[in-house]
Amino acid sequence: MTKYLNLDELSAEREFFIKLSGKDHLVQEPTVQDFLDNLKELEALPINASPTEELNLTIKQLLRSVPTLTDPQLRKLTFSQVKAIHDFVMTAGGQKIETEETKDGEVDPKPAS
């Protein structure tokens, strides 16, 4: 008996949307490369990154996850709206990041378990 895993069916089952200004925006499930890009950008932030640097990175990563949103659209939202989108996208996409402080005080990003 032959068994196989149909990845086409698996990816089609996971659709998440954000509604903004009456339009549904599909949250794209991250590829391995998206996940690696997000981690690389997060690791590149200095330990003493400013809130501006952190928020700009968040916006960049949200735009990667929801490509039908635009930078100006996100920047016009309230902070709580952007945070709600961020929390939804990171949880829905399965790439919620936790950080763990290392012995030397560095922050080590790792995928949530």
PDB file of N, CA and C in Angstrom:
ATOM      1  N   MET A   1       0.852  -1.181   0.000  1.00  0.00           N
ATOM      2  CA  MET A   1       0.000   0.000   0.000  1.00  0.00           C
ATOM      3  C   MET A   1       0.892   1.238   0.000  1.00  0.00           C
ATOM      4  N   THR A   2       0.618   2.151  -0.900  1.00  0.00           N
ATOM      5  CA  THR A   2       1.385   3.387  -1.012  1.00  0.00           C
ATOM      6  C   THR A   2       0.738   4.479  -0.166  1.00  0.00           C
ATOM      7  N   LYS A   3       1.564   5.172   0.596  1.00  0.00           N
ATOM      8  CA  LYS A   3       1.094   6.311   1.399  1.00  0.00           C
ATOM      9  C   LYS A   3       1.857   7.538   0.955  1.00  0.00           C
ATOM     10  N   TYR A   4       1.205   8.660   0.989  1.00  0.00           N
ATOM     11  CA  TYR A   4       1.890   9.907   0.693  1.00  0.00           C
ATOM     12  C   TYR A   4       1.257  11.040   1.474  1.00  0.00           C
ATOM     13  N   LEU A   5       2.032  12.063   1.634  1.00  0.00           N
ATOM     14  CA  LEU A   5       1.587  13.277   2.314  1.00  0.00           C
ATOM     15  C   LEU A   5       1.283  14.317   1.254  1.00  0.00           C
ATOM     16  N   ASN A   6       0.052  14.766   1.165  1.00  0.00           N
ATOM     17  CA  ASN A   6      -0.342  15.758   0.174  1.00  0.00           C
ATOM     18  C   ASN A   6      -0.158  17.156   0.776  1.00  0.00           C
ATOM     19  N   LEU A   7       0.976  17.777   0.489  1.00  0.00           N
ATOM     20  CA  LEU A   7       1.277  19.105   1.025  1.00  0.00           C
ATOM     21  C   LEU A   7       0.377  20.183   0.433  1.00  0.00           C
ATOM     22  N   ASP A   8      -0.166  19.947  -0.754  1.00  0.00           N
ATOM     23  CA  ASP A   8      -1.093  20.917  -1.343  1.00  0.00           C
ATOM     24  C   ASP A   8      -2.339  21.062  -0.478  1.00  0.00           C
ATOM     25  N   GLU A   9      -2.851  19.952   0.030  1.00  0.00           N
ATOM     26  CA  GLU A   9      -4.022  20.014   0.902  1.00  0.00           C
ATOM     27  C   GLU A   9      -3.686  20.647   2.241  1.00  0.00           C
ATOM     28  N   LEU A  10      -2.506  20.349   2.760  1.00  0.00           N
ATOM     29  CA  LEU A  10      -2.093  20.881   4.052  1.00  0.00           C
ATOM     30  C   LEU A  10      -2.009  22.401   4.020  1.00  0.00           C
ATOM     31  N   SER A  11      -1.355  22.960   3.020  1.00  0.00           N
ATOM     32  CA  SER A  11      -1.205  24.412   2.974  1.00  0.00           C
ATOM     33  C   SER A  11      -2.533  25.112   2.691  1.00  0.00           C
ATOM     34  N   ALA A  12      -3.422  24.466   1.966  1.00  0.00           N
ATOM     35  CA  ALA A  12      -4.706  25.084   1.639  1.00  0.00           C
ATOM     36  C   ALA A  12      -5.625  25.169   2.865  1.00  0.00           C
ATOM     37  N   GLU A  13      -5.378  24.341   3.873  1.00  0.00           N
ATOM     38  CA  GLU A  13      -6.235  24.329   5.061  1.00  0.00           C
ATOM     39  C   GLU A  13      -5.989  25.509   5.980  1.00  0.00           C
ATOM     40  N   ARG A  14      -4.845  26.147   5.878  1.00  0.00           N
ATOM     41  CA  ARG A  14      -4.467  27.193   6.828  1.00  0.00           C
ATOM     42  C   ARG A  14      -4.584  28.566   6.200  1.00  0.00           C
ATOM     43  N   GLU A  15      -5.747  29.141   6.247  1.00  0.00           N
ATOM     44  CA  GLU A  15      -5.911  30.503   5.740  1.00  0.00           C
ATOM     45  C   GLU A  15      -6.355  31.404   6.877  1.00  0.00           C
ATOM     46  N   PHE A  16      -5.646  32.523   7.020  1.00  0.00           N
ATOM     47  CA  PHE A  16      -5.950  33.518   8.038  1.00  0.00           C
ATOM     48  C   PHE A  16      -6.059  34.869   7.339  1.00  0.00           C
ATOM     49  N   PHE A  17      -7.030  35.661   7.757  1.00  0.00           N
ATOM     50  CA  PHE A  17      -7.241  36.961   7.139  1.00  0.00           C
ATOM     51  C   PHE A  17      -7.278  38.061   8.185  1.00  0.00           C
ATOM     52  N   ILE A  18      -6.880  39.249   7.757  1.00  0.00           N
ATOM     53  CA  ILE A  18      -7.019  40.467   8.544  1.00  0.00           C
ATOM     54  C   ILE A  18      -7.945  41.371   7.751  1.00  0.00           C
ATOM     55  N   LYS A  19      -8.925  41.937   8.413  1.00  0.00           N
ATOM     56  CA  LYS A  19      -9.829  42.874   7.741  1.00  0.00           C
ATOM     57  C   LYS A  19      -9.417  44.284   8.125  1.00  0.00           C
ATOM     58  N   LEU A  20      -9.142  45.101   7.108  1.00  0.00           N
ATOM     59  CA  LEU A  20      -8.768  46.489   7.326  1.00  0.00           C
ATOM     60  C   LEU A  20      -9.445  47.335   6.269  1.00  0.00           C
ATOM     61  N   SER A  21     -10.160  48.364   6.699  1.00  0.00           N
ATOM     62  CA  SER A  21     -10.888  49.264   5.807  1.00  0.00           C
ATOM     63  C   SER A  21     -11.810  48.492   4.868  1.00  0.00           C
ATOM     64  N   GLY A  22     -12.454  47.455   5.401  1.00  0.00           N
ATOM     65  CA  GLY A  22     -13.422  46.692   4.630  1.00  0.00           C
ATOM     66  C   GLY A  22     -12.826  45.673   3.669  1.00  0.00           C
ATOM     67  N   LYS A  23     -11.515  45.547   3.650  1.00  0.00           N
ATOM     68  CA  LYS A  23     -10.863  44.607   2.728  1.00  0.00           C
ATOM     69  C   LYS A  23     -10.196  43.485   3.521  1.00  0.00           C
ATOM     70  N   ASP A  24     -10.377  42.257   3.038  1.00  0.00           N
ATOM     71  CA  ASP A  24      -9.707  41.113   3.645  1.00  0.00           C
ATOM     72  C   ASP A  24      -8.307  40.994   3.083  1.00  0.00           C
ATOM     73  N   HIS A  25      -7.338  40.816   3.976  1.00  0.00           N
ATOM     74  CA  HIS A  25      -5.937  40.652   3.593  1.00  0.00           C
ATOM     75  C   HIS A  25      -5.482  39.273   4.064  1.00  0.00           C
ATOM     76  N   LEU A  26      -5.073  38.444   3.124  1.00  0.00           N
ATOM     77  CA  LEU A  26      -4.606  37.101   3.443  1.00  0.00           C
ATOM     78  C   LEU A  26      -3.260  37.167   4.149  1.00  0.00           C
ATOM     79  N   VAL A  27      -3.175  36.493   5.284  1.00  0.00           N
ATOM     80  CA  VAL A  27      -1.904  36.356   5.997  1.00  0.00           C
ATOM     81  C   VAL A  27      -1.209  35.148   5.380  1.00  0.00           C
ATOM     82  N   GLN A  28      -0.084  35.392   4.747  1.00  0.00           N
ATOM     83  CA  GLN A  28       0.631  34.308   4.101  1.00  0.00           C
ATOM     84  C   GLN A  28       1.397  33.495   5.126  1.00  0.00           C
ATOM     85  N   GLU A  29       1.234  32.196   5.047  1.00  0.00           N
ATOM     86  CA  GLU A  29       2.011  31.329   5.925  1.00  0.00           C
ATOM     87  C   GLU A  29       3.476  31.477   5.538  1.00  0.00           C
ATOM     88  N   PRO A  30       4.355  31.668   6.506  1.00  0.00           N
ATOM     89  CA  PRO A  30       5.758  31.915   6.163  1.00  0.00           C
ATOM     90  C   PRO A  30       6.434  30.687   5.567  1.00  0.00           C
ATOM     91  N   THR A  31       7.272  30.955   4.604  1.00  0.00           N
ATOM     92  CA  THR A  31       8.124  29.895   4.080  1.00  0.00           C
ATOM     93  C   THR A  31       9.314  29.752   5.028  1.00  0.00           C
ATOM     94  N   VAL A  32      10.091  28.723   4.821  1.00  0.00           N
ATOM     95  CA  VAL A  32      11.305  28.570   5.620  1.00  0.00           C
ATOM     96  C   VAL A  32      12.198  29.796   5.407  1.00  0.00           C
ATOM     97  N   GLN A  33      12.280  30.280   4.152  1.00  0.00           N
ATOM     98  CA  GLN A  33      13.118  31.446   3.878  1.00  0.00           C
ATOM     99  C   GLN A  33      12.594  32.693   4.586  1.00  0.00           C
ATOM    100  N   ASP A  34      11.273  32.886   4.619  1.00  0.00           N
ATOM    101  CA  ASP A  34      10.694  34.015   5.359  1.00  0.00           C
ATOM    102  C   ASP A  34      11.094  33.937   6.834  1.00  0.00           C
ATOM    103  N   PHE A  35      10.970  32.744   7.387  1.00  0.00           N
ATOM    104  CA  PHE A  35      11.308  32.551   8.790  1.00  0.00           C
ATOM    105  C   PHE A  35      12.783  32.878   9.033  1.00  0.00           C
ATOM    106  N   LEU A  36      13.659  32.397   8.162  1.00  0.00           N
ATOM    107  CA  LEU A  36      15.090  32.678   8.296  1.00  0.00           C
ATOM    108  C   LEU A  36      15.385  34.168   8.146  1.00  0.00           C
ATOM    109  N   ASP A  37      14.713  34.821   7.181  1.00  0.00           N
ATOM    110  CA  ASP A  37      14.893  36.261   6.995  1.00  0.00           C
ATOM    111  C   ASP A  37      14.467  37.029   8.247  1.00  0.00           C
ATOM    112  N   ASN A  38      13.329  36.628   8.822  1.00  0.00           N
ATOM    113  CA  ASN A  38      12.858  37.283  10.045  1.00  0.00           C
ATOM    114  C   ASN A  38      13.853  37.101  11.182  1.00  0.00           C
ATOM    115  N   LEU A  39      14.361  35.888  11.345  1.00  0.00           N
ATOM    116  CA  LEU A  39      15.345  35.637  12.400  1.00  0.00           C
ATOM    117  C   LEU A  39      16.621  36.438  12.173  1.00  0.00           C
ATOM    118  N   LYS A  40      17.087  36.480  10.927  1.00  0.00           N
ATOM    119  CA  LYS A  40      18.316  37.217  10.608  1.00  0.00           C
ATOM    120  C   LYS A  40      18.151  38.706  10.932  1.00  0.00           C
ATOM    121  N   GLU A  41      17.008  39.274  10.567  1.00  0.00           N
ATOM    122  CA  GLU A  41      16.757  40.685  10.850  1.00  0.00           C
ATOM    123  C   GLU A  41      16.664  40.934  12.353  1.00  0.00           C
ATOM    124  N   LEU A  42      16.048  40.005  13.053  1.00  0.00           N
ATOM    125  CA  LEU A  42      15.924  40.132  14.500  1.00  0.00           C
ATOM    126  C   LEU A  42      17.295  40.041  15.162  1.00  0.00           C
ATOM    127  N   GLU A  43      18.104  39.093  14.705  1.00  0.00           N
ATOM    128  CA  GLU A  43      19.454  38.945  15.254  1.00  0.00           C
ATOM    129  C   GLU A  43      20.333  40.156  14.954  1.00  0.00           C
ATOM    130  N   ALA A  44      20.072  40.835  13.837  1.00  0.00           N
ATOM    131  CA  ALA A  44      20.883  41.987  13.439  1.00  0.00           C
ATOM    132  C   ALA A  44      20.582  43.232  14.278  1.00  0.00           C
ATOM    133  N   LEU A  45      19.437  43.239  14.952  1.00  0.00           N
ATOM    134  CA  LEU A  45      19.128  44.382  15.809  1.00  0.00           C
ATOM    135  C   LEU A  45      20.141  44.435  16.945  1.00  0.00           C
ATOM    136  N   PRO A  46      20.676  45.609  17.224  1.00  0.00           N
ATOM    137  CA  PRO A  46      21.602  45.703  18.358  1.00  0.00           C
ATOM    138  C   PRO A  46      20.861  45.443  19.668  1.00  0.00           C
ATOM    139  N   ILE A  47      21.589  45.008  20.655  1.00  0.00           N
ATOM    140  CA  ILE A  47      21.003  44.705  21.956  1.00  0.00           C
ATOM    141  C   ILE A  47      20.303  45.938  22.539  1.00  0.00           C
ATOM    142  N   ASN A  48      20.819  47.105  22.193  1.00  0.00           N
ATOM    143  CA  ASN A  48      20.226  48.353  22.685  1.00  0.00           C
ATOM    144  C   ASN A  48      19.434  49.062  21.583  1.00  0.00           C
ATOM    145  N   ALA A  49      18.767  48.268  20.759  1.00  0.00           N
ATOM    146  CA  ALA A  49      17.976  48.839  19.658  1.00  0.00           C
ATOM    147  C   ALA A  49      16.927  49.804  20.207  1.00  0.00           C
ATOM    148  N   SER A  50      16.733  50.861  19.465  1.00  0.00           N
ATOM    149  CA  SER A  50      15.735  51.854  19.882  1.00  0.00           C
ATOM    150  C   SER A  50      14.335  51.323  19.579  1.00  0.00           C
ATOM    151  N   PRO A  51      13.337  51.860  20.265  1.00  0.00           N
ATOM    152  CA  PRO A  51      11.960  51.475  19.949  1.00  0.00           C
ATOM    153  C   PRO A  51      11.615  51.741  18.480  1.00  0.00           C
ATOM    154  N   THR A  52      12.207  52.799  17.899  1.00  0.00           N
ATOM    155  CA  THR A  52      11.972  53.108  16.488  1.00  0.00           C
ATOM    156  C   THR A  52      12.498  51.984  15.599  1.00  0.00           C
ATOM    157  N   GLU A  53      13.709  51.512  15.884  1.00  0.00           N
ATOM    158  CA  GLU A  53      14.277  50.410  15.102  1.00  0.00           C
ATOM    159  C   GLU A  53      13.420  49.146  15.236  1.00  0.00           C
ATOM    160  N   GLU A  54      12.980  48.865  16.434  1.00  0.00           N
ATOM    161  CA  GLU A  54      12.156  47.677  16.663  1.00  0.00           C
ATOM    162  C   GLU A  54      10.821  47.774  15.939  1.00  0.00           C
ATOM    163  N   LEU A  55      10.181  48.938  16.002  1.00  0.00           N
ATOM    164  CA  LEU A  55       8.884  49.100  15.341  1.00  0.00           C
ATOM    165  C   LEU A  55       9.038  49.064  13.820  1.00  0.00           C
ATOM    166  N   ASN A  56      10.089  49.668  13.289  1.00  0.00           N
ATOM    167  CA  ASN A  56      10.322  49.606  11.837  1.00  0.00           C
ATOM    168  C   ASN A  56      10.542  48.166  11.382  1.00  0.00           C
ATOM    169  N   LEU A  57      11.242  47.362  12.180  1.00  0.00           N
ATOM    170  CA  LEU A  57      11.432  45.955  11.848  1.00  0.00           C
ATOM    171  C   LEU A  57      10.099  45.207  11.901  1.00  0.00           C
ATOM    172  N   THR A  58       9.300  45.495  12.900  1.00  0.00           N
ATOM    173  CA  THR A  58       7.982  44.870  13.012  1.00  0.00           C
ATOM    174  C   THR A  58       7.147  45.170  11.777  1.00  0.00           C
ATOM    175  N   ILE A  59       7.144  46.424  11.343  1.00  0.00           N
ATOM    176  CA  ILE A  59       6.381  46.805  10.157  1.00  0.00           C
ATOM    177  C   ILE A  59       6.896  46.058   8.931  1.00  0.00           C
ATOM    178  N   LYS A  60       8.207  45.988   8.771  1.00  0.00           N
ATOM    179  CA  LYS A  60       8.794  45.275   7.634  1.00  0.00           C
ATOM    180  C   LYS A  60       8.365  43.804   7.625  1.00  0.00           C
ATOM    181  N   GLN A  61       8.393  43.177   8.788  1.00  0.00           N
ATOM    182  CA  GLN A  61       8.019  41.771   8.869  1.00  0.00           C
ATOM    183  C   GLN A  61       6.521  41.569   8.649  1.00  0.00           C
ATOM    184  N   LEU A  62       5.709  42.491   9.111  1.00  0.00           N
ATOM    185  CA  LEU A  62       4.270  42.395   8.857  1.00  0.00           C
ATOM    186  C   LEU A  62       3.967  42.525   7.371  1.00  0.00           C
ATOM    187  N   LEU A  63       4.670  43.424   6.705  1.00  0.00           N
ATOM    188  CA  LEU A  63       4.456  43.597   5.258  1.00  0.00           C
ATOM    189  C   LEU A  63       4.863  42.342   4.497  1.00  0.00           C
ATOM    190  N   ARG A  64       5.851  41.625   4.981  1.00  0.00           N
ATOM    191  CA  ARG A  64       6.243  40.356   4.353  1.00  0.00           C
ATOM    192  C   ARG A  64       5.147  39.315   4.556  1.00  0.00           C
ATOM    193  N   SER A  65       4.512  39.326   5.717  1.00  0.00           N
ATOM    194  CA  SER A  65       3.468  38.346   6.030  1.00  0.00           C
ATOM    195  C   SER A  65       2.128  38.666   5.397  1.00  0.00           C
ATOM    196  N   VAL A  66       1.880  39.957   5.197  1.00  0.00           N
ATOM    197  CA  VAL A  66       0.596  40.390   4.624  1.00  0.00           C
ATOM    198  C   VAL A  66       0.912  41.353   3.475  1.00  0.00           C
ATOM    199  N   PRO A  67       1.322  40.818   2.334  1.00  0.00           N
ATOM    200  CA  PRO A  67       1.819  41.669   1.248  1.00  0.00           C
ATOM    201  C   PRO A  67       0.790  42.602   0.618  1.00  0.00           C
ATOM    202  N   THR A  68      -0.499  42.377   0.882  1.00  0.00           N
ATOM    203  CA  THR A  68      -1.497  43.299   0.327  1.00  0.00           C
ATOM    204  C   THR A  68      -1.662  44.553   1.185  1.00  0.00           C
ATOM    205  N   LEU A  69      -1.079  44.550   2.372  1.00  0.00           N
ATOM    206  CA  LEU A  69      -1.046  45.775   3.174  1.00  0.00           C
ATOM    207  C   LEU A  69       0.110  46.636   2.678  1.00  0.00           C
ATOM    208  N   THR A  70       0.002  47.924   2.907  1.00  0.00           N
ATOM    209  CA  THR A  70       1.078  48.825   2.501  1.00  0.00           C
ATOM    210  C   THR A  70       1.706  49.459   3.733  1.00  0.00           C
ATOM    211  N   ASP A  71       2.915  49.928   3.550  1.00  0.00           N
ATOM    212  CA  ASP A  71       3.620  50.608   4.636  1.00  0.00           C
ATOM    213  C   ASP A  71       2.798  51.796   5.153  1.00  0.00           C
ATOM    214  N   PRO A  72       2.290  52.685   4.273  1.00  0.00           N
ATOM    215  CA  PRO A  72       1.485  53.804   4.778  1.00  0.00           C
ATOM    216  C   PRO A  72       0.234  53.356   5.538  1.00  0.00           C
ATOM    217  N   GLN A  73      -0.391  52.253   5.112  1.00  0.00           N
ATOM    218  CA  GLN A  73      -1.568  51.752   5.829  1.00  0.00           C
ATOM    219  C   GLN A  73      -1.198  51.388   7.266  1.00  0.00           C
ATOM    220  N   LEU A  74      -0.113  50.673   7.432  1.00  0.00           N
ATOM    221  CA  LEU A  74       0.296  50.263   8.780  1.00  0.00           C
ATOM    222  C   LEU A  74       0.685  51.459   9.635  1.00  0.00           C
ATOM    223  N   ARG A  75       1.358  52.424   9.053  1.00  0.00           N
ATOM    224  CA  ARG A  75       1.826  53.584   9.822  1.00  0.00           C
ATOM    225  C   ARG A  75       0.694  54.517  10.242  1.00  0.00           C
ATOM    226  N   LYS A  76      -0.472  54.402   9.611  1.00  0.00           N
ATOM    227  CA  LYS A  76      -1.630  55.222   9.985  1.00  0.00           C
ATOM    228  C   LYS A  76      -2.442  54.596  11.118  1.00  0.00           C
ATOM    229  N   LEU A  77      -2.165  53.333  11.422  1.00  0.00           N
ATOM    230  CA  LEU A  77      -2.909  52.646  12.466  1.00  0.00           C
ATOM    231  C   LEU A  77      -2.420  53.069  13.845  1.00  0.00           C
ATOM    232  N   THR A  78      -3.234  52.780  14.838  1.00  0.00           N
ATOM    233  CA  THR A  78      -2.801  53.020  16.212  1.00  0.00           C
ATOM    234  C   THR A  78      -1.800  51.929  16.597  1.00  0.00           C
ATOM    235  N   PHE A  79      -1.046  52.201  17.646  1.00  0.00           N
ATOM    236  CA  PHE A  79      -0.078  51.208  18.107  1.00  0.00           C
ATOM    237  C   PHE A  79      -0.787  49.913  18.489  1.00  0.00           C
ATOM    238  N   SER A  80      -1.966  50.038  19.179  1.00  0.00           N
ATOM    239  CA  SER A  80      -2.662  48.807  19.575  1.00  0.00           C
ATOM    240  C   SER A  80      -3.144  48.011  18.389  1.00  0.00           C
ATOM    241  N   GLN A  81      -3.511  48.677  17.294  1.00  0.00           N
ATOM    242  CA  GLN A  81      -3.917  47.958  16.086  1.00  0.00           C
ATOM    243  C   GLN A  81      -2.723  47.211  15.477  1.00  0.00           C
ATOM    244  N   VAL A  82      -1.577  47.875  15.397  1.00  0.00           N
ATOM    245  CA  VAL A  82      -0.379  47.228  14.844  1.00  0.00           C
ATOM    246  C   VAL A  82       0.025  46.055  15.734  1.00  0.00           C
ATOM    247  N   LYS A  83      -0.045  46.241  17.049  1.00  0.00           N
ATOM    248  CA  LYS A  83       0.298  45.151  17.962  1.00  0.00           C
ATOM    249  C   LYS A  83      -0.669  43.985  17.790  1.00  0.00           C
ATOM    250  N   ALA A  84      -1.964  44.273  17.616  1.00  0.00           N
ATOM    251  CA  ALA A  84      -2.953  43.205  17.414  1.00  0.00           C
ATOM    252  C   ALA A  84      -2.657  42.438  16.121  1.00  0.00           C
ATOM    253  N   ILE A  85      -2.316  43.164  15.051  1.00  0.00           N
ATOM    254  CA  ILE A  85      -1.955  42.505  13.792  1.00  0.00           C
ATOM    255  C   ILE A  85      -0.709  41.656  13.993  1.00  0.00           C
ATOM    256  N   HIS A  86       0.297  42.227  14.643  1.00  0.00           N
ATOM    257  CA  HIS A  86       1.547  41.505  14.889  1.00  0.00           C
ATOM    258  C   HIS A  86       1.288  40.215  15.662  1.00  0.00           C
ATOM    259  N   ASP A  87       0.531  40.305  16.759  1.00  0.00           N
ATOM    260  CA  ASP A  87       0.257  39.125  17.574  1.00  0.00           C
ATOM    261  C   ASP A  87      -0.508  38.075  16.770  1.00  0.00           C
ATOM    262  N   PHE A  88      -1.485  38.508  15.989  1.00  0.00           N
ATOM    263  CA  PHE A  88      -2.272  37.581  15.173  1.00  0.00           C
ATOM    264  C   PHE A  88      -1.402  36.905  14.119  1.00  0.00           C
ATOM    265  N   VAL A  89      -0.598  37.695  13.426  1.00  0.00           N
ATOM    266  CA  VAL A  89       0.251  37.156  12.353  1.00  0.00           C
ATOM    267  C   VAL A  89       1.284  36.184  12.917  1.00  0.00           C
ATOM    268  N   MET A  90       1.934  36.550  14.004  1.00  0.00           N
ATOM    269  CA  MET A  90       2.981  35.692  14.551  1.00  0.00           C
ATOM    270  C   MET A  90       2.406  34.389  15.101  1.00  0.00           C
ATOM    271  N   THR A  91       1.216  34.439  15.649  1.00  0.00           N
ATOM    272  CA  THR A  91       0.589  33.229  16.168  1.00  0.00           C
ATOM    273  C   THR A  91      -0.013  32.408  15.035  1.00  0.00           C
ATOM    274  N   ALA A  92      -0.733  33.059  14.139  1.00  0.00           N
ATOM    275  CA  ALA A  92      -1.384  32.345  13.041  1.00  0.00           C
ATOM    276  C   ALA A  92      -0.369  31.718  12.105  1.00  0.00           C
ATOM    277  N   GLY A  93       0.731  32.409  11.891  1.00  0.00           N
ATOM    278  CA  GLY A  93       1.748  31.892  10.995  1.00  0.00           C
ATOM    279  C   GLY A  93       2.675  30.887  11.640  1.00  0.00           C
ATOM    280  N   GLY A  94       2.528  30.659  12.923  1.00  0.00           N
ATOM    281  CA  GLY A  94       3.340  29.649  13.594  1.00  0.00           C
ATOM    282  C   GLY A  94       4.783  30.052  13.816  1.00  0.00           C
ATOM    283  N   GLN A  95       5.064  31.347  13.807  1.00  0.00           N
ATOM    284  CA  GLN A  95       6.465  31.734  13.973  1.00  0.00           C
ATOM    285  C   GLN A  95       6.653  32.699  15.124  1.00  0.00           C
ATOM    286  N   LYS A  96       5.888  32.500  16.178  1.00  0.00           N
ATOM    287  CA  LYS A  96       6.052  33.342  17.352  1.00  0.00           C
ATOM    288  C   LYS A  96       7.468  33.174  17.884  1.00  0.00           C
ATOM    289  N   ILE A  97       8.139  34.283  18.138  1.00  0.00           N
ATOM    290  CA  ILE A  97       9.525  34.266  18.581  1.00  0.00           C
ATOM    291  C   ILE A  97       9.595  34.605  20.065  1.00  0.00           C
ATOM    292  N   GLU A  98      10.342  33.814  20.792  1.00  0.00           N
ATOM    293  CA  GLU A  98      10.637  34.126  22.187  1.00  0.00           C
ATOM    294  C   GLU A  98      12.119  34.434  22.251  1.00  0.00           C
ATOM    295  N   THR A  99      12.507  35.187  23.249  1.00  0.00           N
ATOM    296  CA  THR A  99      13.932  35.443  23.424  1.00  0.00           C
ATOM    297  C   THR A  99      14.372  34.896  24.762  1.00  0.00           C
ATOM    298  N   GLU A 100      15.599  34.522  24.796  1.00  0.00           N
ATOM    299  CA  GLU A 100      16.177  33.987  26.013  1.00  0.00           C
ATOM    300  C   GLU A 100      17.504  34.686  26.237  1.00  0.00           C
ATOM    301  N   GLU A 101      17.725  35.186  27.439  1.00  0.00           N
ATOM    302  CA  GLU A 101      18.986  35.866  27.714  1.00  0.00           C
ATOM    303  C   GLU A 101      20.080  34.834  27.958  1.00  0.00           C
ATOM    304  N   THR A 102      21.226  35.036  27.294  1.00  0.00           N
ATOM    305  CA  THR A 102      22.358  34.123  27.471  1.00  0.00           C
ATOM    306  C   THR A 102      23.170  34.547  28.687  1.00  0.00           C
ATOM    307  N   LYS A 103      24.173  33.754  29.019  1.00  0.00           N
ATOM    308  CA  LYS A 103      25.007  34.038  30.200  1.00  0.00           C
ATOM    309  C   LYS A 103      25.673  35.403  30.120  1.00  0.00           C
ATOM    310  N   ASP A 104      26.084  35.822  28.910  1.00  0.00           N
ATOM    311  CA  ASP A 104      26.799  37.097  28.777  1.00  0.00           C
ATOM    312  C   ASP A 104      25.859  38.285  28.560  1.00  0.00           C
ATOM    313  N   GLY A 105      24.549  38.079  28.772  1.00  0.00           N
ATOM    314  CA  GLY A 105      23.603  39.179  28.660  1.00  0.00           C
ATOM    315  C   GLY A 105      23.059  39.415  27.272  1.00  0.00           C
ATOM    316  N   GLU A 106      23.519  38.639  26.283  1.00  0.00           N
ATOM    317  CA  GLU A 106      23.001  38.775  24.927  1.00  0.00           C
ATOM    318  C   GLU A 106      21.598  38.165  24.871  1.00  0.00           C
ATOM    319  N   VAL A 107      20.793  38.647  23.947  1.00  0.00           N
ATOM    320  CA  VAL A 107      19.465  38.081  23.754  1.00  0.00           C
ATOM    321  C   VAL A 107      19.552  37.096  22.610  1.00  0.00           C
ATOM    322  N   ASP A 108      19.080  35.867  22.858  1.00  0.00           N
ATOM    323  CA  ASP A 108      19.153  34.796  21.875  1.00  0.00           C
ATOM    324  C   ASP A 108      17.740  34.491  21.395  1.00  0.00           C
ATOM    325  N   PRO A 109      17.388  34.898  20.144  1.00  0.00           N
ATOM    326  CA  PRO A 109      16.063  34.601  19.644  1.00  0.00           C
ATOM    327  C   PRO A 109      15.960  33.112  19.321  1.00  0.00           C
ATOM    328  N   LYS A 110      14.770  32.547  19.584  1.00  0.00           N
ATOM    329  CA  LYS A 110      14.552  31.144  19.236  1.00  0.00           C
ATOM    330  C   LYS A 110      13.067  30.970  18.946  1.00  0.00           C
ATOM    331  N   PRO A 111      12.739  30.017  18.092  1.00  0.00           N
ATOM    332  CA  PRO A 111      11.322  29.759  17.836  1.00  0.00           C
ATOM    333  C   PRO A 111      10.640  29.284  19.112  1.00  0.00           C
ATOM    334  N   ALA A 112       9.406  29.694  19.290  1.00  0.00           N
ATOM    335  CA  ALA A 112       8.651  29.261  20.470  1.00  0.00           C
ATOM    336  C   ALA A 112       8.418  27.762  20.389  1.00  0.00           C
ATOM    337  N   SER A 113       8.411  27.115  21.531  1.00  0.00           N
ATOM    338  CA  SER A 113       8.163  25.675  21.527  1.00  0.00           C
ATOM    339  C   SER A 113       6.747  25.359  21.879  1.00  0.00           C
TER     340      SER A 113
END
